[in-house]
C-alpha cells in the first residue's frame, strides 16, 4: 500500500512524503524539501513522523522552493539524496559525503519497497526530473514544474491510479495579474508552469487507461490562481471518474492513499 502527504505545495515551498508499507517496516521517500529545516521538522511532526524515518530524498530540480533544506537534512540524518547530474551541477557540486545518488530519465531505482521511475520534463532548470513510483500494486505519479505536457510525460504517467498534478495558474488571472511582462511570459511559457486548462487536459487524457481514480491539484500560485478555479477545471475534465483534492502552500494535504 502507498500513502502520501504533501507537506506544502507552492512557491513558499514544496515537499511530499511517500510511504510504502509491506510486511516489514514502512519505507519513506521525501520528494523535494523546499522548506526551512525547523518548518520541515514541524510539518513532519504534525504528520506523525520524525525526520529520522525518511529513507531517501528525491530532488526534482534546483529551484529554491524545491531544494530548501535538503542538503542540511541529508547531512544531519545521513539520508541519501537522489537528483539528476544537471541538478547537482546547478547546485555547484556540493559535498554530500557519500550520500549522493545520481538519477536520470528512465533509470529506475528502489528505496525499500518503493520502486521509483524518474522522467524528464520541460522546465527552465538544468535537468529537471519528475517521477512515478509503485509498490508493485498501484502507481503514483508526481508532476509539478513543467511548462507543457510532452508526449514523453504523458507516456510516463500512463497507468497511474493517483496523480499529484501541477495546476499553477489560471490563464486569465495570470494575464490580468500584477506580474511584470517578462515573468508572465516565463510562467505561461513552454518551459514555465502548467495552467489549469493544460493540467485538466492531461488528466482527461489518462482516463482511457481505466486506472486514474484520484488527482491532487498542486503548486497553485497564490497570485494567479484560486483553489476553486483549479478544482473546477479538473471537475469539468474528469467529472465523477476521479476524486479531486487540493494541496496548498501552508498545509499541503492530508494523508491520502494512492
Protein backbone atom coordinates (compact mmCIF):
# COMPACT_ATOMS: atom_id res chain seq x y z
CA UNK A 1 0.00 0.00 0.00
CA UNK A 2 1.19 3.53 -0.81
CA UNK A 3 0.19 6.52 1.28
CA UNK A 4 1.40 10.05 0.68
CA UNK A 5 1.07 13.53 2.10
CA UNK A 6 2.00 16.91 0.70
CA UNK A 7 3.73 18.87 3.46
CA UNK A 8 3.40 22.04 1.38
CA UNK A 9 2.93 22.89 -2.27
CA UNK A 10 3.60 26.21 -3.98
CA UNK A 11 6.18 28.96 -4.27
CA UNK A 12 6.58 29.04 -0.47
CA UNK A 13 8.00 25.53 -0.50
CA UNK A 14 7.32 22.05 -1.85
CA UNK A 15 7.70 18.72 -0.06
CA UNK A 16 5.82 15.42 -0.32
CA UNK A 17 6.25 12.30 1.81
CA UNK A 18 5.52 8.95 0.16
CA UNK A 19 5.13 5.89 2.35
CA UNK A 20 5.17 2.30 1.10
CA UNK A 21 4.03 -0.40 3.51
CA UNK A 22 4.84 -4.04 3.08
CA UNK A 23 5.31 -6.90 5.52
CA UNK A 24 8.28 -5.17 7.15
CA UNK A 25 8.87 -1.61 8.31
CA UNK A 26 7.40 1.16 6.12
CA UNK A 27 9.61 2.96 3.60
CA UNK A 28 9.52 6.77 3.41
CA UNK A 29 10.66 8.85 0.43
CA UNK A 30 10.70 12.64 0.68
CA UNK A 31 10.19 14.25 -2.71
CA UNK A 32 11.61 17.78 -2.62
CA UNK A 33 12.48 19.61 0.56
CA UNK A 34 11.70 23.26 -0.16
CA UNK A 35 11.21 24.35 3.46
CA UNK A 36 13.44 25.54 6.26
CA UNK A 37 14.61 22.69 8.45
CA UNK A 38 12.64 23.83 11.52
CA UNK A 39 9.48 24.16 9.45
CA UNK A 40 10.08 20.76 7.89
CA UNK A 41 10.51 19.15 11.31
CA UNK A 42 7.32 20.89 12.45
CA UNK A 43 5.30 19.65 9.49
CA UNK A 44 6.68 16.14 9.73
CA UNK A 45 5.70 16.12 13.40
CA UNK A 46 2.19 17.23 12.53
CA UNK A 47 2.10 14.32 10.06
CA UNK A 48 3.07 11.89 12.82
CA UNK A 49 6.65 11.46 11.61
CA UNK A 50 10.24 12.20 12.54
CA UNK A 51 12.92 13.20 10.04
CA UNK A 52 14.94 10.14 11.03
CA UNK A 53 12.23 7.96 9.48
CA UNK A 54 12.99 9.27 5.98
CA UNK A 55 14.90 6.68 3.97
CA UNK A 56 15.76 8.83 0.94
CA UNK A 57 15.26 12.30 -0.53
CA UNK A 58 14.47 12.90 -4.20
CA UNK A 59 15.09 16.43 -5.53
CA UNK A 60 13.25 17.26 -8.74
CA UNK A 61 15.35 20.32 -9.61
CA UNK A 62 17.49 23.07 -8.13
CA UNK A 63 14.97 25.90 -7.61
CA UNK A 64 14.86 27.17 -4.05
CA UNK A 65 11.26 26.17 -3.37
CA UNK A 66 12.26 22.55 -4.06
CA UNK A 67 15.82 22.23 -2.74
CA UNK A 68 15.26 24.15 0.53
CA UNK A 69 16.96 22.37 3.44
CA UNK A 70 17.59 19.09 1.58
CA UNK A 71 21.37 19.18 1.90
CA UNK A 72 21.25 20.16 5.57
CA UNK A 73 18.68 17.45 6.32
CA UNK A 74 20.73 14.85 4.46
CA UNK A 75 23.85 15.74 6.47
CA UNK A 76 22.02 15.80 9.80
CA UNK A 77 20.22 12.47 9.38
CA UNK A 78 22.62 10.75 6.93
CA UNK A 79 19.90 10.37 4.29
CA UNK A 80 20.82 9.56 0.65
CA UNK A 81 19.81 12.24 -1.87
CA UNK A 82 18.73 11.41 -5.42
CA UNK A 83 19.00 14.11 -8.07
CA UNK A 84 19.98 14.44 -11.71
CA UNK A 85 23.54 15.20 -12.74
CA UNK A 86 22.29 18.54 -14.10
CA UNK A 87 20.69 19.47 -10.77
CA UNK A 88 23.88 18.50 -8.95
CA UNK A 89 25.90 20.73 -11.29
CA UNK A 90 23.42 23.62 -10.90
CA UNK A 91 23.95 23.38 -7.13
CA UNK A 92 27.72 23.71 -7.74
CA UNK A 93 28.55 20.11 -6.87
CA UNK A 94 28.02 20.19 -3.10
CA UNK A 95 29.89 17.70 -0.91
CA UNK A 96 27.35 15.08 0.15
CA UNK A 97 29.81 12.76 1.92
CA UNK A 98 28.87 9.63 0.07
CA UNK A 99 25.13 10.29 0.14
CA UNK A 100 24.68 11.45 -3.48
CA UNK A 101 22.71 9.15 -5.76
CA UNK A 102 22.53 10.33 -9.37
CA UNK A 103 19.16 9.84 -11.08
CA UNK A 104 18.31 10.02 -14.76
CA UNK A 105 15.38 9.75 -17.13
CA UNK A 106 14.02 6.21 -17.24
CA UNK A 107 16.60 4.76 -14.84
CA UNK A 108 14.55 3.05 -12.14
CA UNK A 109 15.74 2.58 -8.58
CA UNK A 110 14.27 1.22 -5.38
CA UNK A 111 14.02 2.60 -1.86
CA UNK A 112 12.90 -0.26 0.34
CA UNK A 113 9.59 -1.49 -1.06
CA UNK A 114 9.11 1.58 -3.26
CA UNK A 115 10.16 1.39 -6.92
CA UNK A 116 10.83 4.81 -8.44
CA UNK A 117 11.00 5.83 -12.11
CA UNK A 118 12.25 9.38 -12.85
CA UNK A 119 11.45 11.12 -16.12
CA UNK A 120 12.42 14.42 -17.72
CA UNK A 121 10.04 17.36 -18.06
CA UNK A 122 10.15 20.68 -19.94
CA UNK A 123 11.02 23.27 -17.28
CA UNK A 124 13.57 26.08 -17.03
CA UNK A 125 16.01 24.18 -14.83
CA UNK A 126 19.27 22.37 -15.61
CA UNK A 127 17.96 18.78 -15.79
CA UNK A 128 14.57 18.58 -14.07
CA UNK A 129 13.02 15.24 -13.23
CA UNK A 130 9.60 14.22 -12.01
CA UNK A 131 8.67 10.68 -11.08
CA UNK A 132 6.27 7.81 -10.75
CA UNK A 133 6.53 5.20 -8.02
CA UNK A 134 4.90 1.88 -7.28
CA UNK A 135 4.86 -0.81 -4.61
CA UNK A 136 4.02 -3.38 -7.28
CA UNK A 137 0.27 -2.97 -6.90
CA UNK A 138 -0.51 0.71 -7.51
CA UNK A 139 1.29 3.55 -9.29
CA UNK A 140 1.52 7.15 -8.04
CA UNK A 141 2.67 10.00 -10.28
CA UNK A 142 4.13 13.34 -9.19
CA UNK A 143 4.19 16.09 -11.78
CA UNK A 144 4.93 19.71 -10.92
CA UNK A 145 7.03 22.43 -12.52
CA UNK A 146 6.65 21.99 -16.25
CA UNK A 147 5.60 24.40 -18.97
CA UNK A 148 3.79 21.96 -21.22
CA UNK A 149 2.87 18.29 -21.40
CA UNK A 150 5.20 16.47 -23.77
CA UNK A 151 4.37 13.10 -25.26
CA UNK A 152 7.12 11.65 -23.07
CA UNK A 153 5.43 12.99 -19.93
CA UNK A 154 2.07 11.58 -20.96
CA UNK A 155 3.58 8.18 -21.71
CA UNK A 156 5.36 8.04 -18.35
CA UNK A 157 2.14 8.77 -16.46
CA UNK A 158 0.04 6.13 -18.20
CA UNK A 159 -1.24 3.63 -15.68
CA UNK A 160 -1.14 5.93 -12.65
CA UNK A 161 -4.01 5.47 -10.20
CA UNK A 162 -3.22 8.74 -8.44
CA UNK A 163 -1.60 11.90 -9.75
CA UNK A 164 -0.25 14.86 -7.79
CA UNK A 165 -0.51 17.40 -10.60
CA UNK A 166 0.61 20.98 -11.04
CA UNK A 167 -2.28 23.39 -11.53
CA UNK A 168 -0.17 26.51 -11.26
CA UNK A 169 -2.22 29.27 -12.77
CA UNK A 170 -5.45 30.35 -14.35
CA UNK A 171 -4.54 31.86 -17.70
CA UNK A 172 -6.92 34.84 -17.36
CA UNK A 173 -5.68 35.64 -13.84
CA UNK A 174 -2.06 35.46 -14.98
CA UNK A 175 -2.75 37.78 -17.94
CA UNK A 176 -4.56 40.36 -15.76
CA UNK A 177 -2.37 39.96 -12.69
CA UNK A 178 0.44 42.04 -11.17
CA UNK A 179 3.43 40.15 -12.59
CA UNK A 180 5.67 42.11 -14.99
CA UNK A 181 5.52 41.08 -18.63
CA UNK A 182 8.75 39.04 -18.59
CA UNK A 183 7.54 36.99 -15.61
CA UNK A 184 4.12 36.38 -17.16
CA UNK A 185 5.91 35.16 -20.28
CA UNK A 186 8.14 32.88 -18.23
CA UNK A 187 5.35 31.39 -16.09
CA UNK A 188 2.98 30.87 -19.00
CA UNK A 189 5.63 29.73 -21.47
CA UNK A 190 6.56 26.26 -22.66
CA UNK A 191 9.31 25.97 -20.02
CA UNK A 192 7.43 27.56 -17.12
CA UNK A 193 4.42 26.23 -15.24
CA UNK A 194 1.27 24.35 -16.12
CA UNK A 195 -2.06 26.18 -16.42
CA UNK A 196 -5.27 24.73 -15.01
CA UNK A 197 -6.56 24.01 -18.51
CA UNK A 198 -3.43 22.11 -19.55
CA UNK A 199 -3.43 20.12 -16.30
CA UNK A 200 -7.08 19.21 -16.80
CA UNK A 201 -6.43 18.13 -20.39
CA UNK A 202 -3.60 15.87 -19.24
CA UNK A 203 -5.74 14.29 -16.52
CA UNK A 204 -8.54 13.68 -19.02
CA UNK A 205 -6.11 12.04 -21.45
CA UNK A 206 -5.19 9.48 -18.76
CA UNK A 207 -8.78 8.40 -18.13
CA UNK A 208 -8.94 5.89 -21.02
CA UNK A 209 -6.34 3.74 -19.26
CA UNK A 210 -9.10 2.99 -16.76
CA UNK A 211 -6.79 3.33 -13.76
CA UNK A 212 -6.79 7.01 -12.83
CA UNK A 213 -9.05 7.48 -9.83
CA UNK A 214 -7.58 10.42 -7.91
CA UNK A 215 -5.99 13.79 -8.77
CA UNK A 216 -4.45 16.23 -6.31
CA UNK A 217 -4.05 19.76 -7.66
CA UNK A 218 -0.67 21.10 -6.54
CA UNK A 219 1.73 24.04 -6.85
CA UNK A 220 -1.11 26.58 -7.11
CA UNK A 221 0.07 30.17 -7.50
CA UNK A 222 -1.15 32.45 -4.73
CA UNK A 223 -1.23 35.41 -7.14
CA UNK A 224 -2.51 33.75 -10.30
CA UNK A 225 -4.89 31.01 -9.22
CA UNK A 226 -7.61 30.05 -6.79
CA UNK A 227 -8.38 26.58 -5.45
CA UNK A 228 -11.92 26.75 -6.79
CA UNK A 229 -10.66 27.51 -10.30
CA UNK A 230 -8.27 24.55 -10.28
CA UNK A 231 -10.98 22.29 -8.90
CA UNK A 232 -13.49 23.49 -11.48
CA UNK A 233 -11.11 22.84 -14.39
CA UNK A 234 -10.37 19.32 -13.17
CA UNK A 235 -14.03 18.59 -12.45
CA UNK A 236 -15.05 19.68 -15.93
CA UNK A 237 -12.43 17.36 -17.44
CA UNK A 238 -12.89 14.37 -15.14
CA UNK A 239 -16.49 14.50 -14.00
CA UNK A 240 -17.04 11.82 -11.39
CA UNK A 241 -14.41 9.49 -12.84
CA UNK A 242 -11.76 10.56 -10.30
CA UNK A 243 -11.62 12.17 -6.87
CA UNK A 244 -10.20 15.69 -6.78
CA UNK A 245 -8.18 17.16 -3.91
CA UNK A 246 -6.23 20.40 -3.47
CA UNK A 247 -2.77 20.75 -1.89
CA UNK A 248 -1.92 24.24 -0.66
CA UNK A 249 1.26 26.01 0.40
CA UNK A 250 0.88 26.32 4.18
CA UNK A 251 -0.64 22.92 4.94
CA UNK A 252 -0.28 20.73 1.83
CA UNK A 253 -2.78 17.88 2.05
CA UNK A 254 -3.87 15.21 4.47
CA UNK A 255 -2.61 11.66 4.23
CA UNK A 256 -4.05 10.06 1.11
CA UNK A 257 -3.92 6.51 -0.22
CA UNK A 258 -2.71 6.11 -3.80
